[in-house]
Amino acid sequence: MSVTLEPMPADRYDDWMRLAAAEYAADLVRMGQEKGAARLAAADDLAGYFPDGAPLQGHHLLEVHAEDGREVGYLWIGPWLHGRGDEWWIWDVFIDEAERGKSYGREAMLQGEKVAAANGAVTIGLRVFEFNARAKSLYESLGYETTSHSMTKRLA
């Protein structure tokens, strides 16, 4: 199974930003944030990386296409803003639910690593929520290692 990564057309950025913000906010709620605060945090994060509705220079918002040309997801990668230019980050990877388990995510990650390396990256990192065991398993199988671990305790 192979995939290709194609730049997302600029006329799709707004729709993608709404979807990405909603997904991120839902993850934050699952982690315990209040819905309103989660929506604001997700919108603020995206606005910082997409000023004027377009990705910052050096960031790549890519559609993931299956062998038959169908779009099956997206990948957003780019340099870490607070690090050196050669420290890259996978900001978001998403495969349509109906297409999961077909190696599209694995292949998209591997292709994304090539894009990062071709643009001068020497490291690439990502963040995964603890509840997302499937994603954690994928990332570990690709050689990603845990570099920090946050913990929270809810108080009555």
C-alpha atoms as a PDB file:
ATOM      1  CA  MET A   1       0.000   0.000   0.000  1.00  0.00           C
ATOM      2  CA  SER A   2       1.458   3.334  -0.954  1.00  0.00           C
ATOM      3  CA  VAL A   3       0.214   6.871  -0.637  1.00  0.00           C
ATOM      4  CA  THR A   4       1.114  10.179  -2.175  1.00  0.00           C
ATOM      5  CA  LEU A   5       1.137  13.503  -0.413  1.00  0.00           C
ATOM      6  CA  GLU A   6      -0.163  16.507  -2.324  1.00  0.00           C
ATOM      7  CA  PRO A   7      -0.314  20.116  -1.129  1.00  0.00           C
ATOM      8  CA  MET A   8      -3.799  20.985   0.021  1.00  0.00           C
ATOM      9  CA  PRO A   9      -5.307  23.651  -2.266  1.00  0.00           C
ATOM     10  CA  ALA A  10      -5.549  27.025  -0.531  1.00  0.00           C
ATOM     11  CA  ASP A  11      -9.301  27.200  -1.158  1.00  0.00           C
ATOM     12  CA  ARG A  12      -9.718  24.257   1.242  1.00  0.00           C
ATOM     13  CA  TYR A  13      -7.802  25.789   4.170  1.00  0.00           C
ATOM     14  CA  ASP A  14     -10.856  27.323   5.856  1.00  0.00           C
ATOM     15  CA  ASP A  15     -12.808  24.055   5.836  1.00  0.00           C
ATOM     16  CA  TRP A  16      -9.743  22.158   7.050  1.00  0.00           C
ATOM     17  CA  MET A  17      -9.142  24.657   9.874  1.00  0.00           C
ATOM     18  CA  ARG A  18     -12.736  24.257  11.106  1.00  0.00           C
ATOM     19  CA  LEU A  19     -12.402  20.453  11.059  1.00  0.00           C
ATOM     20  CA  ALA A  20      -8.957  20.444  12.697  1.00  0.00           C
ATOM     21  CA  ALA A  21     -10.043  22.888  15.401  1.00  0.00           C
ATOM     22  CA  ALA A  22     -13.144  20.808  16.195  1.00  0.00           C
ATOM     23  CA  GLU A  23     -11.109  17.579  16.392  1.00  0.00           C
ATOM     24  CA  TYR A  24      -8.446  19.164  18.597  1.00  0.00           C
ATOM     25  CA  ALA A  25     -11.045  20.730  20.879  1.00  0.00           C
ATOM     26  CA  ALA A  26     -12.785  17.348  21.240  1.00  0.00           C
ATOM     27  CA  ASP A  27      -9.455  15.793  22.266  1.00  0.00           C
ATOM     28  CA  LEU A  28      -8.901  18.562  24.829  1.00  0.00           C
ATOM     29  CA  VAL A  29     -12.386  17.980  26.258  1.00  0.00           C
ATOM     30  CA  ARG A  30     -11.621  14.276  26.496  1.00  0.00           C
ATOM     31  CA  MET A  31      -8.504  15.260  28.454  1.00  0.00           C
ATOM     32  CA  GLY A  32     -10.667  17.184  30.923  1.00  0.00           C
ATOM     33  CA  GLN A  33     -10.904  20.753  29.607  1.00  0.00           C
ATOM     34  CA  GLU A  34     -14.218  22.571  29.632  1.00  0.00           C
ATOM     35  CA  LYS A  35     -15.785  22.751  26.133  1.00  0.00           C
ATOM     36  CA  GLY A  36     -15.608  26.523  25.733  1.00  0.00           C
ATOM     37  CA  ALA A  37     -11.995  26.705  26.894  1.00  0.00           C
ATOM     38  CA  ALA A  38     -11.068  23.796  24.625  1.00  0.00           C
ATOM     39  CA  ARG A  39     -12.614  25.482  21.584  1.00  0.00           C
ATOM     40  CA  LEU A  40     -10.750  28.716  22.344  1.00  0.00           C
ATOM     41  CA  ALA A  41      -7.437  26.912  22.889  1.00  0.00           C
ATOM     42  CA  ALA A  42      -7.784  24.978  19.625  1.00  0.00           C
ATOM     43  CA  ALA A  43      -8.708  28.109  17.652  1.00  0.00           C
ATOM     44  CA  ASP A  44      -5.814  30.077  19.193  1.00  0.00           C
ATOM     45  CA  ASP A  45      -3.299  27.323  18.413  1.00  0.00           C
ATOM     46  CA  LEU A  46      -4.367  27.127  14.781  1.00  0.00           C
ATOM     47  CA  ALA A  47      -4.472  30.909  14.368  1.00  0.00           C
ATOM     48  CA  GLY A  48      -0.838  31.100  15.465  1.00  0.00           C
ATOM     49  CA  TYR A  49       0.254  28.665  12.764  1.00  0.00           C
ATOM     50  CA  PHE A  50      -2.162  29.878  10.086  1.00  0.00           C
ATOM     51  CA  PRO A  51      -2.022  33.674  10.213  1.00  0.00           C
ATOM     52  CA  ASP A  52      -4.310  35.167   7.589  1.00  0.00           C
ATOM     53  CA  GLY A  53      -5.683  31.655   6.980  1.00  0.00           C
ATOM     54  CA  ALA A  54      -2.537  30.214   5.376  1.00  0.00           C
ATOM     55  CA  PRO A  55       0.214  28.052   6.926  1.00  0.00           C
ATOM     56  CA  LEU A  56       3.349  29.706   8.204  1.00  0.00           C
ATOM     57  CA  GLN A  57       6.327  29.580   5.877  1.00  0.00           C
ATOM     58  CA  GLY A  58       7.937  26.157   6.003  1.00  0.00           C
ATOM     59  CA  HIS A  59       4.769  24.392   7.129  1.00  0.00           C
ATOM     60  CA  HIS A  60       3.218  21.816   4.828  1.00  0.00           C
ATOM     61  CA  LEU A  61      -0.487  21.006   4.837  1.00  0.00           C
ATOM     62  CA  LEU A  62      -0.745  17.892   2.708  1.00  0.00           C
ATOM     63  CA  GLU A  63      -3.576  15.704   1.496  1.00  0.00           C
ATOM     64  CA  VAL A  64      -2.998  11.960   1.760  1.00  0.00           C
ATOM     65  CA  HIS A  65      -4.050  10.143  -1.417  1.00  0.00           C
ATOM     66  CA  ALA A  66      -4.498   6.392  -1.839  1.00  0.00           C
ATOM     67  CA  GLU A  67      -3.056   4.560  -4.840  1.00  0.00           C
ATOM     68  CA  ASP A  68      -6.307   5.085  -6.750  1.00  0.00           C
ATOM     69  CA  GLY A  69      -6.124   8.863  -6.189  1.00  0.00           C
ATOM     70  CA  ARG A  70      -8.798   9.112  -3.502  1.00  0.00           C
ATOM     71  CA  GLU A  71      -8.106  11.540  -0.692  1.00  0.00           C
ATOM     72  CA  VAL A  72      -8.056   9.520   2.539  1.00  0.00           C
ATOM     73  CA  GLY A  73      -6.719  12.058   5.033  1.00  0.00           C
ATOM     74  CA  TYR A  74      -4.233  14.828   5.662  1.00  0.00           C
ATOM     75  CA  LEU A  75      -0.861  15.527   7.240  1.00  0.00           C
ATOM     76  CA  TRP A  76       0.415  18.820   8.631  1.00  0.00           C
ATOM     77  CA  ILE A  77       4.157  19.051   9.282  1.00  0.00           C
ATOM     78  CA  GLY A  78       6.592  21.885   9.801  1.00  0.00           C
ATOM     79  CA  PRO A  79       9.344  23.310  11.949  1.00  0.00           C
ATOM     80  CA  TRP A  80       8.933  23.749  15.680  1.00  0.00           C
ATOM     81  CA  LEU A  81       8.410  27.471  16.252  1.00  0.00           C
ATOM     82  CA  HIS A  82      10.393  27.652  19.483  1.00  0.00           C
ATOM     83  CA  GLY A  83      13.280  25.457  18.454  1.00  0.00           C
ATOM     84  CA  ARG A  84      15.917  25.390  15.803  1.00  0.00           C
ATOM     85  CA  GLY A  85      14.765  25.288  12.179  1.00  0.00           C
ATOM     86  CA  ASP A  86      15.940  21.698  11.886  1.00  0.00           C
ATOM     87  CA  GLU A  87      13.560  20.469  14.628  1.00  0.00           C
ATOM     88  CA  TRP A  88      10.320  19.541  12.914  1.00  0.00           C
ATOM     89  CA  TRP A  89       6.971  18.456  14.226  1.00  0.00           C
ATOM     90  CA  ILE A  90       4.036  16.438  13.003  1.00  0.00           C
ATOM     91  CA  TRP A  91       1.299  18.831  14.011  1.00  0.00           C
ATOM     92  CA  ASP A  92      -1.579  16.718  12.829  1.00  0.00           C
ATOM     93  CA  VAL A  93      -2.145  13.490  10.958  1.00  0.00           C
ATOM     94  CA  PHE A  94      -5.619  12.235  10.191  1.00  0.00           C
ATOM     95  CA  ILE A  95      -6.923   9.307   8.181  1.00  0.00           C
ATOM     96  CA  ASP A  96     -10.650   9.035   7.478  1.00  0.00           C
ATOM     97  CA  GLU A  97     -12.219   6.553   9.860  1.00  0.00           C
ATOM     98  CA  ALA A  98     -13.401   4.258   7.055  1.00  0.00           C
ATOM     99  CA  GLU A  99      -9.829   4.098   5.723  1.00  0.00           C
ATOM    100  CA  ARG A 100      -8.022   3.305   8.966  1.00  0.00           C
ATOM    101  CA  GLY A 101      -6.202   0.003   9.357  1.00  0.00           C
ATOM    102  CA  LYS A 102      -5.073   0.002   5.709  1.00  0.00           C
ATOM    103  CA  SER A 103      -1.540   1.390   6.324  1.00  0.00           C
ATOM    104  CA  TYR A 104      -2.383   4.856   4.996  1.00  0.00           C
ATOM    105  CA  GLY A 105      -1.343   6.496   8.271  1.00  0.00           C
ATOM    106  CA  ARG A 106       1.951   4.602   8.380  1.00  0.00           C
ATOM    107  CA  GLU A 107       2.757   5.490   4.788  1.00  0.00           C
ATOM    108  CA  ALA A 108       1.754   9.121   5.257  1.00  0.00           C
ATOM    109  CA  MET A 109       4.079   9.375   8.265  1.00  0.00           C
ATOM    110  CA  LEU A 110       6.974   7.842   6.329  1.00  0.00           C
ATOM    111  CA  GLN A 111       6.396  10.173   3.377  1.00  0.00           C
ATOM    112  CA  GLY A 112       6.141  13.122   5.765  1.00  0.00           C
ATOM    113  CA  GLU A 113       9.503  12.212   7.273  1.00  0.00           C
ATOM    114  CA  LYS A 114      10.992  12.386   3.766  1.00  0.00           C
ATOM    115  CA  VAL A 115       9.482  15.832   3.213  1.00  0.00           C
ATOM    116  CA  ALA A 116      10.913  17.009   6.546  1.00  0.00           C
ATOM    117  CA  ALA A 117      14.382  15.612   5.801  1.00  0.00           C
ATOM    118  CA  ALA A 118      14.359  17.174   2.323  1.00  0.00           C
ATOM    119  CA  ASN A 119      13.672  20.538   4.001  1.00  0.00           C
ATOM    120  CA  GLY A 120      16.570  20.298   6.449  1.00  0.00           C
ATOM    121  CA  ALA A 121      14.954  18.575   9.425  1.00  0.00           C
ATOM    122  CA  VAL A 122      17.231  16.444  11.586  1.00  0.00           C
ATOM    123  CA  THR A 123      14.542  15.517  14.121  1.00  0.00           C
ATOM    124  CA  ILE A 124      10.790  15.150  13.949  1.00  0.00           C
ATOM    125  CA  GLY A 125       8.479  14.926  16.917  1.00  0.00           C
ATOM    126  CA  LEU A 126       4.797  14.681  17.673  1.00  0.00           C
ATOM    127  CA  ARG A 127       2.338  14.732  20.527  1.00  0.00           C
ATOM    128  CA  VAL A 128      -0.128  11.961  21.180  1.00  0.00           C
ATOM    129  CA  PHE A 129      -2.809  11.876  23.824  1.00  0.00           C
ATOM    130  CA  GLU A 130      -2.571   8.936  26.209  1.00  0.00           C
ATOM    131  CA  PHE A 131      -6.075   7.724  25.324  1.00  0.00           C
ATOM    132  CA  ASN A 132      -5.106   7.263  21.671  1.00  0.00           C
ATOM    133  CA  ALA A 133      -3.562   3.792  22.016  1.00  0.00           C
ATOM    134  CA  ARG A 134      -3.853   3.002  18.317  1.00  0.00           C
ATOM    135  CA  ALA A 135      -1.867   6.084  17.318  1.00  0.00           C
ATOM    136  CA  LYS A 136       0.700   5.473  20.067  1.00  0.00           C
ATOM    137  CA  SER A 137       1.249   1.958  18.775  1.00  0.00           C
ATOM    138  CA  LEU A 138       1.737   3.228  15.220  1.00  0.00           C
ATOM    139  CA  TYR A 139       4.228   5.905  16.286  1.00  0.00           C
ATOM    140  CA  GLU A 140       6.226   3.473  18.420  1.00  0.00           C
ATOM    141  CA  SER A 141       6.354   0.983  15.536  1.00  0.00           C
ATOM    142  CA  LEU A 142       7.829   3.766  13.384  1.00  0.00           C
ATOM    143  CA  GLY A 143      10.608   4.403  15.922  1.00  0.00           C
ATOM    144  CA  TYR A 144       9.204   7.397  17.806  1.00  0.00           C
ATOM    145  CA  GLU A 145      10.247   7.443  21.455  1.00  0.00           C
ATOM    146  CA  THR A 146       8.565   9.016  24.455  1.00  0.00           C
ATOM    147  CA  THR A 147      10.477  12.110  25.550  1.00  0.00           C
ATOM    148  CA  SER A 148       8.103  13.408  28.223  1.00  0.00           C
ATOM    149  CA  HIS A 149       5.069  12.262  30.099  1.00  0.00           C
ATOM    150  CA  SER A 150       2.437  14.571  31.606  1.00  0.00           C
ATOM    151  CA  MET A 151       0.114  13.427  34.356  1.00  0.00           C
ATOM    152  CA  THR A 152      -3.036  14.935  35.804  1.00  0.00           C
ATOM    153  CA  LYS A 153      -5.173  14.170  38.816  1.00  0.00           C
ATOM    154  CA  ARG A 154      -8.753  15.366  39.063  1.00  0.00           C
ATOM    155  CA  LEU A 155      -9.575  16.727  42.513  1.00  0.00           C
ATOM    156  CA  ALA A 156     -13.066  16.413  43.942  1.00  0.00           C
END
